Amino acid sequence: MKIEKLCLVAGISAFFGLERITQIHGHALSWAGTYEAFAHIWIGFLLALWIFEKEYRRFAWVSFAAITAIETVMFFVQRAH
């Protein structure tokens, strides 16, 4: 990994980590919240694959699109109730 990419990833990670610690408060621990947290981590992993790993770019994009479609459908299903 080139030093520029490493610095970019480290800088953005530090920004979000510091914001979480100092500014943004969480919500009560629940299964829904735990799922949401892991889903965000997984989406971040897929985006990193898509951006940094050309070999896995198509797989990451298709996985990201599928999860986004499922979450969009669930949003409208839950909203209808």
N, C-alpha and C. Protein backbone atom coordinates (compact mmCIF):
# COMPACT_ATOMS: atom_id res chain seq x y z
N MET A 1 0.86 -1.17 0.00
CA MET A 1 0.00 0.00 0.00
C MET A 1 0.91 1.23 0.00
N LYS A 2 0.60 2.17 -0.84
CA LYS A 2 1.39 3.39 -0.90
C LYS A 2 1.17 4.22 0.35
N ILE A 3 2.18 4.98 0.70
CA ILE A 3 2.13 5.78 1.92
C ILE A 3 0.99 6.80 1.88
N GLU A 4 0.67 7.32 0.69
CA GLU A 4 -0.42 8.29 0.59
C GLU A 4 -1.76 7.65 0.97
N LYS A 5 -2.01 6.45 0.48
CA LYS A 5 -3.24 5.74 0.82
C LYS A 5 -3.28 5.41 2.31
N LEU A 6 -2.15 4.98 2.83
CA LEU A 6 -2.08 4.65 4.25
C LEU A 6 -2.37 5.88 5.11
N CYS A 7 -1.79 7.01 4.75
CA CYS A 7 -2.04 8.25 5.49
C CYS A 7 -3.50 8.69 5.38
N LEU A 8 -4.09 8.53 4.20
CA LEU A 8 -5.50 8.88 4.00
C LEU A 8 -6.39 8.02 4.89
N VAL A 9 -6.17 6.72 4.87
CA VAL A 9 -6.98 5.81 5.68
C VAL A 9 -6.79 6.11 7.17
N ALA A 10 -5.55 6.32 7.59
CA ALA A 10 -5.27 6.61 9.00
C ALA A 10 -5.91 7.93 9.42
N GLY A 11 -5.82 8.94 8.58
CA GLY A 11 -6.39 10.25 8.91
C GLY A 11 -7.90 10.22 9.02
N ILE A 12 -8.55 9.58 8.07
CA ILE A 12 -10.02 9.49 8.10
C ILE A 12 -10.46 8.64 9.29
N SER A 13 -9.75 7.57 9.57
CA SER A 13 -10.08 6.73 10.72
C SER A 13 -9.94 7.51 12.02
N ALA A 14 -8.87 8.28 12.14
CA ALA A 14 -8.67 9.08 13.35
C ALA A 14 -9.79 10.11 13.50
N PHE A 15 -10.18 10.74 12.40
CA PHE A 15 -11.26 11.73 12.45
C PHE A 15 -12.54 11.11 12.99
N PHE A 16 -12.96 9.99 12.40
CA PHE A 16 -14.21 9.37 12.84
C PHE A 16 -14.10 8.82 14.26
N GLY A 17 -12.95 8.27 14.61
CA GLY A 17 -12.77 7.78 15.97
C GLY A 17 -12.86 8.90 17.00
N LEU A 18 -12.20 10.02 16.72
CA LEU A 18 -12.26 11.14 17.65
C LEU A 18 -13.65 11.75 17.72
N GLU A 19 -14.33 11.86 16.60
CA GLU A 19 -15.70 12.38 16.61
C GLU A 19 -16.61 11.48 17.44
N ARG A 20 -16.46 10.20 17.32
CA ARG A 20 -17.30 9.25 18.06
C ARG A 20 -17.07 9.38 19.56
N ILE A 21 -15.82 9.51 19.93
CA ILE A 21 -15.48 9.60 21.35
C ILE A 21 -15.92 10.93 21.95
N THR A 22 -15.75 12.02 21.21
CA THR A 22 -15.95 13.34 21.80
C THR A 22 -17.30 13.98 21.49
N GLN A 23 -17.95 13.62 20.39
CA GLN A 23 -19.13 14.37 19.95
C GLN A 23 -20.40 13.55 19.83
N ILE A 24 -20.29 12.34 19.34
CA ILE A 24 -21.48 11.58 18.93
C ILE A 24 -21.77 10.50 19.97
N HIS A 25 -22.92 10.60 20.59
CA HIS A 25 -23.31 9.63 21.61
C HIS A 25 -24.16 8.53 20.97
N GLY A 26 -24.01 7.34 21.47
CA GLY A 26 -24.72 6.19 20.93
C GLY A 26 -26.11 6.04 21.51
N HIS A 27 -26.71 4.90 21.26
CA HIS A 27 -28.02 4.59 21.79
C HIS A 27 -27.92 3.32 22.62
N ALA A 28 -28.99 2.94 23.26
CA ALA A 28 -28.99 1.77 24.13
C ALA A 28 -28.60 0.51 23.35
N LEU A 29 -27.97 -0.41 24.04
CA LEU A 29 -27.55 -1.66 23.43
C LEU A 29 -28.79 -2.51 23.12
N SER A 30 -28.88 -2.94 21.86
CA SER A 30 -30.00 -3.78 21.43
C SER A 30 -29.54 -4.65 20.26
N TRP A 31 -30.36 -5.67 19.94
CA TRP A 31 -30.03 -6.50 18.78
C TRP A 31 -30.08 -5.69 17.50
N ALA A 32 -31.05 -4.81 17.38
CA ALA A 32 -31.16 -3.97 16.18
C ALA A 32 -29.95 -3.05 16.05
N GLY A 33 -29.54 -2.46 17.16
CA GLY A 33 -28.38 -1.58 17.13
C GLY A 33 -27.09 -2.33 16.82
N THR A 34 -26.97 -3.55 17.37
CA THR A 34 -25.80 -4.38 17.10
C THR A 34 -25.75 -4.77 15.63
N TYR A 35 -26.88 -5.17 15.07
CA TYR A 35 -26.95 -5.48 13.65
C TYR A 35 -26.54 -4.27 12.82
N GLU A 36 -27.08 -3.12 13.18
CA GLU A 36 -26.78 -1.89 12.43
C GLU A 36 -25.28 -1.57 12.46
N ALA A 37 -24.67 -1.73 13.63
CA ALA A 37 -23.23 -1.45 13.75
C ALA A 37 -22.42 -2.39 12.88
N PHE A 38 -22.71 -3.69 12.93
CA PHE A 38 -21.97 -4.64 12.11
C PHE A 38 -22.26 -4.44 10.61
N ALA A 39 -23.48 -4.06 10.28
CA ALA A 39 -23.80 -3.78 8.88
C ALA A 39 -22.98 -2.60 8.37
N HIS A 40 -22.82 -1.57 9.19
CA HIS A 40 -22.00 -0.43 8.79
C HIS A 40 -20.55 -0.84 8.59
N ILE A 41 -20.05 -1.67 9.48
CA ILE A 41 -18.67 -2.16 9.34
C ILE A 41 -18.53 -2.97 8.06
N TRP A 42 -19.49 -3.84 7.78
CA TRP A 42 -19.43 -4.67 6.58
C TRP A 42 -19.48 -3.82 5.31
N ILE A 43 -20.35 -2.82 5.28
CA ILE A 43 -20.43 -1.94 4.12
C ILE A 43 -19.11 -1.20 3.94
N GLY A 44 -18.52 -0.77 5.03
CA GLY A 44 -17.21 -0.12 4.94
C GLY A 44 -16.16 -1.05 4.38
N PHE A 45 -16.19 -2.31 4.80
CA PHE A 45 -15.27 -3.31 4.26
C PHE A 45 -15.48 -3.49 2.76
N LEU A 46 -16.73 -3.59 2.33
CA LEU A 46 -17.01 -3.74 0.90
C LEU A 46 -16.56 -2.53 0.11
N LEU A 47 -16.77 -1.34 0.64
CA LEU A 47 -16.30 -0.13 -0.04
C LEU A 47 -14.78 -0.10 -0.13
N ALA A 48 -14.10 -0.55 0.93
CA ALA A 48 -12.64 -0.60 0.88
C ALA A 48 -12.17 -1.60 -0.18
N LEU A 49 -12.83 -2.74 -0.26
CA LEU A 49 -12.50 -3.70 -1.32
C LEU A 49 -12.69 -3.07 -2.69
N TRP A 50 -13.80 -2.41 -2.86
CA TRP A 50 -14.13 -1.80 -4.15
C TRP A 50 -13.09 -0.74 -4.54
N ILE A 51 -12.67 0.06 -3.59
CA ILE A 51 -11.74 1.15 -3.88
C ILE A 51 -10.31 0.67 -4.03
N PHE A 52 -9.86 -0.21 -3.16
CA PHE A 52 -8.43 -0.54 -3.09
C PHE A 52 -8.03 -1.86 -3.73
N GLU A 53 -8.97 -2.76 -3.98
CA GLU A 53 -8.63 -4.08 -4.51
C GLU A 53 -9.32 -4.32 -5.85
N LYS A 54 -8.60 -4.10 -6.93
CA LYS A 54 -9.20 -4.23 -8.26
C LYS A 54 -9.71 -5.65 -8.53
N GLU A 55 -9.04 -6.64 -7.97
CA GLU A 55 -9.44 -8.03 -8.19
C GLU A 55 -10.84 -8.33 -7.65
N TYR A 56 -11.23 -7.66 -6.57
CA TYR A 56 -12.52 -7.91 -5.93
C TYR A 56 -13.54 -6.81 -6.18
N ARG A 57 -13.24 -5.89 -7.05
CA ARG A 57 -14.10 -4.72 -7.26
C ARG A 57 -15.52 -5.11 -7.67
N ARG A 58 -15.67 -5.99 -8.63
CA ARG A 58 -17.01 -6.39 -9.09
C ARG A 58 -17.79 -7.09 -7.99
N PHE A 59 -17.14 -8.02 -7.29
CA PHE A 59 -17.80 -8.73 -6.19
C PHE A 59 -18.27 -7.75 -5.11
N ALA A 60 -17.41 -6.82 -4.74
CA ALA A 60 -17.77 -5.85 -3.71
C ALA A 60 -18.93 -4.98 -4.16
N TRP A 61 -18.91 -4.55 -5.42
CA TRP A 61 -19.98 -3.69 -5.93
C TRP A 61 -21.31 -4.43 -5.96
N VAL A 62 -21.31 -5.68 -6.42
CA VAL A 62 -22.55 -6.46 -6.47
C VAL A 62 -23.07 -6.72 -5.06
N SER A 63 -22.19 -7.05 -4.13
CA SER A 63 -22.61 -7.27 -2.74
C SER A 63 -23.18 -6.00 -2.13
N PHE A 64 -22.52 -4.88 -2.36
CA PHE A 64 -22.98 -3.59 -1.86
C PHE A 64 -24.35 -3.25 -2.44
N ALA A 65 -24.52 -3.45 -3.74
CA ALA A 65 -25.80 -3.16 -4.40
C ALA A 65 -26.91 -4.05 -3.86
N ALA A 66 -26.61 -5.34 -3.65
CA ALA A 66 -27.63 -6.26 -3.14
C ALA A 66 -28.07 -5.87 -1.73
N ILE A 67 -27.12 -5.57 -0.87
CA ILE A 67 -27.46 -5.18 0.50
C ILE A 67 -28.24 -3.87 0.50
N THR A 68 -27.85 -2.93 -0.34
CA THR A 68 -28.56 -1.65 -0.43
C THR A 68 -29.99 -1.87 -0.90
N ALA A 69 -30.19 -2.73 -1.88
CA ALA A 69 -31.54 -3.02 -2.37
C ALA A 69 -32.39 -3.65 -1.27
N ILE A 70 -31.83 -4.61 -0.55
CA ILE A 70 -32.58 -5.26 0.53
C ILE A 70 -32.95 -4.24 1.61
N GLU A 71 -32.02 -3.40 2.01
CA GLU A 71 -32.29 -2.40 3.04
C GLU A 71 -33.33 -1.38 2.56
N THR A 72 -33.30 -1.03 1.29
CA THR A 72 -34.29 -0.10 0.75
C THR A 72 -35.68 -0.71 0.79
N VAL A 73 -35.81 -1.96 0.39
CA VAL A 73 -37.10 -2.65 0.45
C VAL A 73 -37.59 -2.73 1.89
N MET A 74 -36.69 -3.08 2.82
CA MET A 74 -37.09 -3.19 4.22
C MET A 74 -37.53 -1.83 4.79
N PHE A 75 -36.90 -0.77 4.35
CA PHE A 75 -37.30 0.57 4.79
C PHE A 75 -38.76 0.82 4.42
N PHE A 76 -39.12 0.51 3.17
CA PHE A 76 -40.49 0.76 2.73
C PHE A 76 -41.48 -0.20 3.35
N VAL A 77 -41.08 -1.44 3.59
CA VAL A 77 -41.94 -2.43 4.24
C VAL A 77 -42.23 -1.98 5.68
N GLN A 78 -41.19 -1.59 6.40
CA GLN A 78 -41.38 -1.16 7.80
C GLN A 78 -42.16 0.15 7.87
N ARG A 79 -41.96 1.01 6.92
CA ARG A 79 -42.66 2.28 6.91
C ARG A 79 -44.14 2.09 6.65
N ALA A 80 -44.50 1.06 5.89
CA ALA A 80 -45.89 0.80 5.56
C ALA A 80 -46.68 0.30 6.77
N HIS A 81 -46.00 -0.26 7.75
CA HIS A 81 -46.69 -0.80 8.94
C HIS A 81 -46.94 0.24 9.96
